[in-house]
Amino acid sequence: MSEEEKEKTKPDKFLDCVGLYCPIPIFNTTQEMETIEAGQVLEMVTDDPAAVQDIPRWAKRAGHQFIKLFKEGDHYHFLIRKGKE
């Protein structure tokens, strides 16, 4: 990933959902997305393996752009760009 791409996906807000399990990470992510502007990026981190499938599907249904998923240790990090209102 180029420096320009990294800058574009730099999160504007961070949400910690570690220790929370389905459906709470999606519920909390939905609420947090309501607090940011269209085009801004949220990074959500969780240790819930179900989120690997749930979050990308939720983002698409909600009209947001799922940017990427990466894993650090036992934690899954999701980058999601808020869609247009």
N, C-alpha and C. Protein backbone atom coordinates (compact mmCIF):
# COMPACT_ATOMS: atom_id res chain seq x y z
N MET A 1 0.85 -1.18 0.00
CA MET A 1 0.00 0.00 0.00
C MET A 1 0.89 1.24 0.00
N SER A 2 0.61 2.18 -0.91
CA SER A 2 1.41 3.39 -1.01
C SER A 2 1.11 4.32 0.17
N GLU A 3 1.97 5.31 0.36
CA GLU A 3 1.75 6.28 1.44
C GLU A 3 0.45 7.05 1.20
N GLU A 4 0.17 7.34 -0.07
CA GLU A 4 -1.07 8.06 -0.41
C GLU A 4 -2.29 7.23 -0.03
N GLU A 5 -2.25 5.92 -0.33
CA GLU A 5 -3.37 5.04 0.02
C GLU A 5 -3.53 4.94 1.54
N LYS A 6 -2.40 4.86 2.25
CA LYS A 6 -2.46 4.81 3.71
C LYS A 6 -3.10 6.07 4.27
N GLU A 7 -2.75 7.22 3.71
CA GLU A 7 -3.30 8.49 4.18
C GLU A 7 -4.80 8.55 3.93
N LYS A 8 -5.24 8.03 2.76
CA LYS A 8 -6.67 8.02 2.42
C LYS A 8 -7.46 7.16 3.40
N THR A 9 -6.85 6.09 3.89
CA THR A 9 -7.58 5.17 4.76
C THR A 9 -7.25 5.37 6.24
N LYS A 10 -6.54 6.44 6.54
CA LYS A 10 -6.24 6.74 7.94
C LYS A 10 -7.57 6.99 8.67
N PRO A 11 -7.82 6.26 9.74
CA PRO A 11 -9.12 6.42 10.40
C PRO A 11 -9.31 7.78 11.05
N ASP A 12 -10.53 8.27 10.94
CA ASP A 12 -10.91 9.52 11.60
C ASP A 12 -11.40 9.23 13.02
N LYS A 13 -11.84 8.01 13.24
CA LYS A 13 -12.38 7.62 14.55
C LYS A 13 -12.06 6.16 14.80
N PHE A 14 -11.93 5.78 16.06
CA PHE A 14 -11.58 4.42 16.46
C PHE A 14 -12.65 3.91 17.42
N LEU A 15 -13.07 2.66 17.22
CA LEU A 15 -14.08 2.03 18.07
C LEU A 15 -13.55 0.70 18.57
N ASP A 16 -13.48 0.54 19.88
CA ASP A 16 -12.98 -0.69 20.52
C ASP A 16 -14.16 -1.57 20.91
N CYS A 17 -14.29 -2.72 20.23
CA CYS A 17 -15.35 -3.68 20.54
C CYS A 17 -14.76 -4.99 21.04
N VAL A 18 -13.53 -4.96 21.55
CA VAL A 18 -12.89 -6.17 22.07
C VAL A 18 -13.68 -6.66 23.29
N GLY A 19 -13.95 -7.96 23.30
CA GLY A 19 -14.70 -8.56 24.40
C GLY A 19 -16.20 -8.55 24.18
N LEU A 20 -16.64 -7.94 23.08
CA LEU A 20 -18.07 -7.89 22.76
C LEU A 20 -18.35 -8.85 21.61
N TYR A 21 -19.48 -9.51 21.67
CA TYR A 21 -19.80 -10.51 20.65
C TYR A 21 -21.13 -10.20 20.00
N CYS A 22 -21.32 -10.78 18.82
CA CYS A 22 -22.49 -10.56 17.98
C CYS A 22 -23.77 -10.57 18.82
N PRO A 23 -24.60 -9.57 18.64
CA PRO A 23 -24.61 -8.53 17.61
C PRO A 23 -24.04 -7.19 18.08
N ILE A 24 -23.43 -7.13 19.25
CA ILE A 24 -23.00 -5.86 19.83
C ILE A 24 -21.99 -5.11 18.95
N PRO A 25 -20.96 -5.75 18.36
CA PRO A 25 -20.05 -4.97 17.50
C PRO A 25 -20.76 -4.26 16.34
N ILE A 26 -21.74 -4.92 15.73
CA ILE A 26 -22.48 -4.28 14.64
C ILE A 26 -23.33 -3.13 15.18
N PHE A 27 -23.98 -3.35 16.29
CA PHE A 27 -24.81 -2.31 16.90
C PHE A 27 -23.94 -1.09 17.24
N ASN A 28 -22.81 -1.31 17.89
CA ASN A 28 -21.93 -0.20 18.27
C ASN A 28 -21.33 0.49 17.05
N THR A 29 -20.98 -0.29 16.03
CA THR A 29 -20.44 0.29 14.80
C THR A 29 -21.49 1.15 14.12
N THR A 30 -22.73 0.68 14.07
CA THR A 30 -23.82 1.46 13.49
C THR A 30 -23.95 2.80 14.20
N GLN A 31 -23.95 2.77 15.53
CA GLN A 31 -24.08 4.01 16.30
C GLN A 31 -22.89 4.94 16.05
N GLU A 32 -21.70 4.38 16.00
CA GLU A 32 -20.50 5.21 15.81
C GLU A 32 -20.47 5.83 14.42
N MET A 33 -20.94 5.10 13.40
CA MET A 33 -20.98 5.64 12.04
C MET A 33 -21.90 6.85 11.95
N GLU A 34 -22.90 6.91 12.81
CA GLU A 34 -23.81 8.05 12.82
C GLU A 34 -23.15 9.32 13.34
N THR A 35 -21.99 9.19 13.98
CA THR A 35 -21.33 10.35 14.57
C THR A 35 -20.25 10.94 13.66
N ILE A 36 -19.99 10.30 12.51
CA ILE A 36 -18.96 10.81 11.60
C ILE A 36 -19.60 11.28 10.30
N GLU A 37 -18.84 12.07 9.54
CA GLU A 37 -19.32 12.63 8.28
C GLU A 37 -19.12 11.64 7.13
N ALA A 38 -19.92 11.79 6.08
CA ALA A 38 -19.75 10.98 4.87
C ALA A 38 -18.32 11.15 4.37
N GLY A 39 -17.69 10.04 4.00
CA GLY A 39 -16.33 10.06 3.51
C GLY A 39 -15.28 9.82 4.58
N GLN A 40 -15.66 9.99 5.85
CA GLN A 40 -14.71 9.73 6.93
C GLN A 40 -14.59 8.23 7.16
N VAL A 41 -13.49 7.82 7.81
CA VAL A 41 -13.19 6.41 8.01
C VAL A 41 -13.22 6.06 9.49
N LEU A 42 -13.90 4.96 9.78
CA LEU A 42 -13.94 4.40 11.13
C LEU A 42 -13.09 3.14 11.16
N GLU A 43 -12.26 3.02 12.20
CA GLU A 43 -11.56 1.75 12.45
C GLU A 43 -12.24 1.12 13.64
N MET A 44 -12.74 -0.10 13.45
CA MET A 44 -13.36 -0.86 14.53
C MET A 44 -12.49 -2.08 14.78
N VAL A 45 -12.22 -2.36 16.06
CA VAL A 45 -11.43 -3.53 16.42
C VAL A 45 -12.26 -4.43 17.33
N THR A 46 -12.18 -5.74 17.07
CA THR A 46 -12.92 -6.72 17.85
C THR A 46 -12.14 -8.02 17.90
N ASP A 47 -12.50 -8.87 18.84
CA ASP A 47 -11.92 -10.21 18.86
C ASP A 47 -12.99 -11.26 18.55
N ASP A 48 -14.13 -10.80 18.04
CA ASP A 48 -15.24 -11.69 17.67
C ASP A 48 -15.02 -12.21 16.25
N PRO A 49 -14.72 -13.51 16.09
CA PRO A 49 -14.47 -14.04 14.75
C PRO A 49 -15.67 -13.94 13.81
N ALA A 50 -16.87 -13.89 14.36
CA ALA A 50 -18.07 -13.77 13.51
C ALA A 50 -18.08 -12.43 12.76
N ALA A 51 -17.40 -11.44 13.29
CA ALA A 51 -17.37 -10.12 12.66
C ALA A 51 -16.68 -10.14 11.30
N VAL A 52 -15.80 -11.11 11.07
CA VAL A 52 -15.09 -11.22 9.79
C VAL A 52 -16.08 -11.32 8.63
N GLN A 53 -17.18 -12.00 8.84
CA GLN A 53 -18.22 -12.09 7.81
C GLN A 53 -19.29 -11.03 8.01
N ASP A 54 -19.63 -10.74 9.26
CA ASP A 54 -20.75 -9.83 9.55
C ASP A 54 -20.48 -8.39 9.15
N ILE A 55 -19.32 -7.85 9.47
CA ILE A 55 -19.06 -6.42 9.26
C ILE A 55 -19.03 -6.05 7.77
N PRO A 56 -18.32 -6.79 6.91
CA PRO A 56 -18.38 -6.42 5.48
C PRO A 56 -19.79 -6.47 4.90
N ARG A 57 -20.58 -7.47 5.29
CA ARG A 57 -21.96 -7.56 4.79
C ARG A 57 -22.80 -6.40 5.31
N TRP A 58 -22.65 -6.09 6.60
CA TRP A 58 -23.38 -4.97 7.19
C TRP A 58 -23.02 -3.67 6.48
N ALA A 59 -21.72 -3.44 6.24
CA ALA A 59 -21.28 -2.19 5.60
C ALA A 59 -21.93 -2.03 4.23
N LYS A 60 -21.94 -3.09 3.45
CA LYS A 60 -22.55 -3.04 2.12
C LYS A 60 -24.04 -2.72 2.21
N ARG A 61 -24.75 -3.42 3.09
CA ARG A 61 -26.19 -3.18 3.25
C ARG A 61 -26.47 -1.77 3.74
N ALA A 62 -25.60 -1.22 4.57
CA ALA A 62 -25.80 0.11 5.15
C ALA A 62 -25.36 1.23 4.21
N GLY A 63 -24.75 0.88 3.07
CA GLY A 63 -24.33 1.89 2.11
C GLY A 63 -22.96 2.48 2.39
N HIS A 64 -22.15 1.77 3.18
CA HIS A 64 -20.80 2.23 3.48
C HIS A 64 -19.80 1.43 2.64
N GLN A 65 -18.56 1.92 2.58
CA GLN A 65 -17.51 1.23 1.83
C GLN A 65 -16.62 0.47 2.81
N PHE A 66 -16.63 -0.85 2.68
CA PHE A 66 -15.72 -1.67 3.48
C PHE A 66 -14.35 -1.57 2.81
N ILE A 67 -13.38 -1.00 3.50
CA ILE A 67 -12.06 -0.77 2.91
C ILE A 67 -11.16 -1.98 3.09
N LYS A 68 -10.99 -2.41 4.33
CA LYS A 68 -10.13 -3.57 4.54
C LYS A 68 -10.27 -4.14 5.94
N LEU A 69 -9.77 -5.36 6.05
CA LEU A 69 -9.71 -6.10 7.30
C LEU A 69 -8.28 -6.55 7.48
N PHE A 70 -7.73 -6.36 8.68
CA PHE A 70 -6.43 -6.94 8.98
C PHE A 70 -6.46 -7.46 10.41
N LYS A 71 -5.61 -8.44 10.67
CA LYS A 71 -5.58 -9.09 11.98
C LYS A 71 -4.25 -8.80 12.65
N GLU A 72 -4.32 -8.41 13.91
CA GLU A 72 -3.13 -8.23 14.74
C GLU A 72 -3.33 -9.06 16.00
N GLY A 73 -2.59 -10.13 16.13
CA GLY A 73 -2.78 -11.03 17.26
C GLY A 73 -4.16 -11.65 17.19
N ASP A 74 -4.92 -11.52 18.27
CA ASP A 74 -6.29 -12.05 18.32
C ASP A 74 -7.34 -11.03 17.91
N HIS A 75 -6.91 -9.86 17.47
CA HIS A 75 -7.84 -8.77 17.17
C HIS A 75 -7.98 -8.55 15.68
N TYR A 76 -9.23 -8.36 15.26
CA TYR A 76 -9.56 -8.04 13.87
C TYR A 76 -9.81 -6.54 13.77
N HIS A 77 -9.17 -5.91 12.80
CA HIS A 77 -9.34 -4.47 12.58
C HIS A 77 -10.08 -4.27 11.26
N PHE A 78 -11.12 -3.46 11.29
CA PHE A 78 -11.92 -3.16 10.12
C PHE A 78 -11.84 -1.67 9.82
N LEU A 79 -11.62 -1.33 8.57
CA LEU A 79 -11.67 0.07 8.13
C LEU A 79 -12.89 0.22 7.24
N ILE A 80 -13.74 1.18 7.61
CA ILE A 80 -15.02 1.39 6.92
C ILE A 80 -15.17 2.87 6.64
N ARG A 81 -15.41 3.20 5.38
CA ARG A 81 -15.66 4.61 4.99
C ARG A 81 -17.16 4.85 4.95
N LYS A 82 -17.59 5.92 5.62
CA LYS A 82 -19.01 6.21 5.67
C LYS A 82 -19.51 6.63 4.30
N GLY A 83 -20.64 6.05 3.91
CA GLY A 83 -21.26 6.39 2.63
C GLY A 83 -21.99 7.72 2.70
N LYS A 84 -22.50 8.11 1.56
CA LYS A 84 -23.24 9.38 1.48
C LYS A 84 -24.54 9.24 2.26
N GLU A 85 -24.96 10.34 2.81
CA GLU A 85 -26.19 10.35 3.63
C GLU A 85 -27.41 10.29 2.75
